[in-house]
C-alpha atoms as a PDB file:
ATOM      1  CA  MET A   1      26.885  63.289-138.580  1.00  0.00           C
ATOM      2  CA  THR A   2      23.392  64.471-139.558  1.00  0.00           C
ATOM      3  CA  ARG A   3      20.253  62.573-139.401  1.00  0.00           C
ATOM      4  CA  ALA A   4      20.233  62.171-143.151  1.00  0.00           C
ATOM      5  CA  HIS A   5      23.761  60.837-143.457  1.00  0.00           C
ATOM      6  CA  TRP A   6      24.511  57.191-142.914  1.00  0.00           C
ATOM      7  CA  PRO A   7      28.270  56.142-143.194  1.00  0.00           C
ATOM      8  CA  ALA A   8      29.056  53.944-146.049  1.00  0.00           C
ATOM      9  CA  THR A   9      31.824  51.950-144.426  1.00  0.00           C
ATOM     10  CA  LEU A  10      32.617  50.427-141.106  1.00  0.00           C
ATOM     11  CA  GLU A  11      35.802  52.580-140.995  1.00  0.00           C
ATOM     12  CA  GLU A  12      33.655  55.703-141.321  1.00  0.00           C
ATOM     13  CA  LEU A  13      31.513  54.499-138.483  1.00  0.00           C
ATOM     14  CA  GLU A  14      34.676  53.921-136.346  1.00  0.00           C
ATOM     15  CA  ARG A  15      35.595  57.598-136.696  1.00  0.00           C
ATOM     16  CA  GLU A  16      32.460  58.782-134.969  1.00  0.00           C
ATOM     17  CA  LEU A  17      32.343  59.185-131.220  1.00  0.00           C
ATOM     18  CA  VAL A  18      29.736  56.656-129.933  1.00  0.00           C
ATOM     19  CA  VAL A  19      28.103  56.768-126.530  1.00  0.00           C
ATOM     20  CA  PRO A  20      26.439  53.266-126.340  1.00  0.00           C
ATOM     21  CA  HIS A  21      22.826  53.244-125.234  1.00  0.00           C
ATOM     22  CA  CYS A  22      21.677  49.858-126.673  1.00  0.00           C
ATOM     23  CA  PRO A  23      21.964  46.584-124.834  1.00  0.00           C
ATOM     24  CA  ALA A  24      25.308  44.883-124.467  1.00  0.00           C
ATOM     25  CA  THR A  25      23.864  42.055-126.581  1.00  0.00           C
ATOM     26  CA  CYS A  26      24.149  44.107-129.749  1.00  0.00           C
ATOM     27  CA  PRO A  27      27.485  43.633-131.540  1.00  0.00           C
ATOM     28  CA  PHE A  28      26.983  47.136-133.084  1.00  0.00           C
ATOM     29  CA  ARG A  29      26.577  49.173-129.931  1.00  0.00           C
ATOM     30  CA  GLU A  30      30.072  50.598-130.192  1.00  0.00           C
ATOM     31  CA  LEU A  31      29.663  51.501-133.939  1.00  0.00           C
ATOM     32  CA  CYS A  32      26.039  52.481-134.340  1.00  0.00           C
ATOM     33  CA  PRO A  33      25.795  56.420-134.243  1.00  0.00           C
ATOM     34  CA  THR A  34      24.780  57.622-130.752  1.00  0.00           C
ATOM     35  CA  ILE A  35      21.923  59.605-132.261  1.00  0.00           C
ATOM     36  CA  ARG A  36      20.368  56.380-133.571  1.00  0.00           C
ATOM     37  CA  GLN A  37      20.960  54.475-130.377  1.00  0.00           C
ATOM     38  CA  VAL A  38      19.275  57.053-128.187  1.00  0.00           C
ATOM     39  CA  GLY A  39      15.887  56.401-129.759  1.00  0.00           C
ATOM     40  CA  ILE A  40      16.336  52.753-130.335  1.00  0.00           C
ATOM     41  CA  ALA A  41      17.291  52.105-126.730  1.00  0.00           C
ATOM     42  CA  ASP A  42      13.957  53.332-125.529  1.00  0.00           C
ATOM     43  CA  LEU A  43      12.319  50.652-127.606  1.00  0.00           C
ATOM     44  CA  PHE A  44      14.379  48.057-125.793  1.00  0.00           C
ATOM     45  CA  ARG A  45      13.515  49.512-122.459  1.00  0.00           C
ATOM     46  CA  LYS A  46       9.848  49.330-123.416  1.00  0.00           C
ATOM     47  CA  GLN A  47      10.324  45.763-124.537  1.00  0.00           C
ATOM     48  CA  GLN A  48       9.100  46.643-128.062  1.00  0.00           C
ATOM     49  CA  TYR A  49      12.488  45.339-129.282  1.00  0.00           C
ATOM     50  CA  THR A  50      13.657  42.133-127.469  1.00  0.00           C
ATOM     51  CA  ALA A  51      16.698  41.259-129.664  1.00  0.00           C
ATOM     52  CA  PRO A  52      19.249  43.294-131.580  1.00  0.00           C
ATOM     53  CA  THR A  53      17.989  41.815-134.787  1.00  0.00           C
ATOM     54  CA  ASP A  54      14.631  43.610-134.169  1.00  0.00           C
ATOM     55  CA  CYS A  55      16.373  46.956-134.585  1.00  0.00           C
ATOM     56  CA  LEU A  56      15.629  48.736-137.842  1.00  0.00           C
ATOM     57  CA  TRP A  57      19.432  49.575-138.190  1.00  0.00           C
ATOM     58  CA  TRP A  58      20.521  45.941-137.754  1.00  0.00           C
ATOM     59  CA  GLU A  59      20.299  45.012-141.330  1.00  0.00           C
ATOM     60  CA  LYS A  60      22.150  48.068-142.527  1.00  0.00           C
ATOM     61  CA  LEU A  61      25.103  47.338-140.179  1.00  0.00           C
ATOM     62  CA  ALA A  62      24.839  43.629-140.885  1.00  0.00           C
ATOM     63  CA  ALA A  63      25.200  44.313-144.550  1.00  0.00           C
ATOM     64  CA  LEU A  64      28.320  46.383-144.022  1.00  0.00           C
ATOM     65  CA  THR A  65      29.701  43.671-141.860  1.00  0.00           C
ATOM     66  CA  ARG A  66      29.127  41.084-144.544  1.00  0.00           C
ATOM     67  CA  ALA A  67      30.412  43.210-147.402  1.00  0.00           C
ATOM     68  CA  GLU A  68      33.580  44.389-145.686  1.00  0.00           C
ATOM     69  CA  LEU A  69      34.493  41.555-143.355  1.00  0.00           C
ATOM     70  CA  GLY A  70      32.851  38.679-145.110  1.00  0.00           C
ATOM     71  CA  ILE A  71      31.231  37.340-142.003  1.00  0.00           C
ATOM     72  CA  GLU A  72      27.797  37.360-140.332  1.00  0.00           C
ATOM     73  CA  PRO A  73      27.664  39.803-137.412  1.00  0.00           C
ATOM     74  CA  PRO A  74      29.086  38.235-134.335  1.00  0.00           C
ATOM     75  CA  PRO A  75      27.238  38.030-131.063  1.00  0.00           C
ATOM     76  CA  THR A  76      29.272  40.686-129.269  1.00  0.00           C
ATOM     77  CA  ALA A  77      30.846  44.070-129.774  1.00  0.00           C
ATOM     78  CA  ALA A  78      34.219  42.566-128.701  1.00  0.00           C
ATOM     79  CA  GLU A  79      34.178  39.881-131.417  1.00  0.00           C
ATOM     80  CA  LEU A  80      33.195  42.440-133.950  1.00  0.00           C
ATOM     81  CA  ARG A  81      36.081  44.657-132.912  1.00  0.00           C
ATOM     82  CA  ASP A  82      38.524  41.671-133.151  1.00  0.00           C
ATOM     83  CA  ALA A  83      37.309  40.850-136.600  1.00  0.00           C
ATOM     84  CA  MET A  84      37.726  44.520-137.718  1.00  0.00           C
ATOM     85  CA  GLY A  85      41.195  44.484-136.160  1.00  0.00           C
ATOM     86  CA  GLU A  86      42.086  41.360-138.089  1.00  0.00           C
ATOM     87  CA  ARG A  87      40.923  42.912-141.314  1.00  0.00           C
ATOM     88  CA  ARG A  88      42.964  45.975-140.672  1.00  0.00           C
ATOM     89  CA  ALA A  89      46.083  43.871-139.917  1.00  0.00           C
ATOM     90  CA  ILE A  90      45.661  41.950-143.122  1.00  0.00           C
ATOM     91  CA  GLN A  91      45.202  45.160-145.085  1.00  0.00           C
ATOM     92  CA  GLU A  92      48.344  46.776-143.561  1.00  0.00           C
ATOM     93  CA  ALA A  93      50.361  43.568-144.298  1.00  0.00           C
ATOM     94  CA  SER A  94      49.399  43.631-147.937  1.00  0.00           C
END
């Protein structure tokens, strides 16, 4: 993935290898591209960001979550993974 490219779907994000750098309190830490997290994590360390919603990428990922899953972003990455798994199971059953 290049800096200019941003995946259009959650599935596309899932295909990327992600090395989490952001706090465990962010539900997108397993999806957000590593290259984005490296810079953002520094803002958390410096306490310029105090909550995941402070992140400039939050709304982009939240919008994908709303559009594809029909839910607000859950509080944890595990809950987001579960919701994505449920969606996948429903699609496969159809």
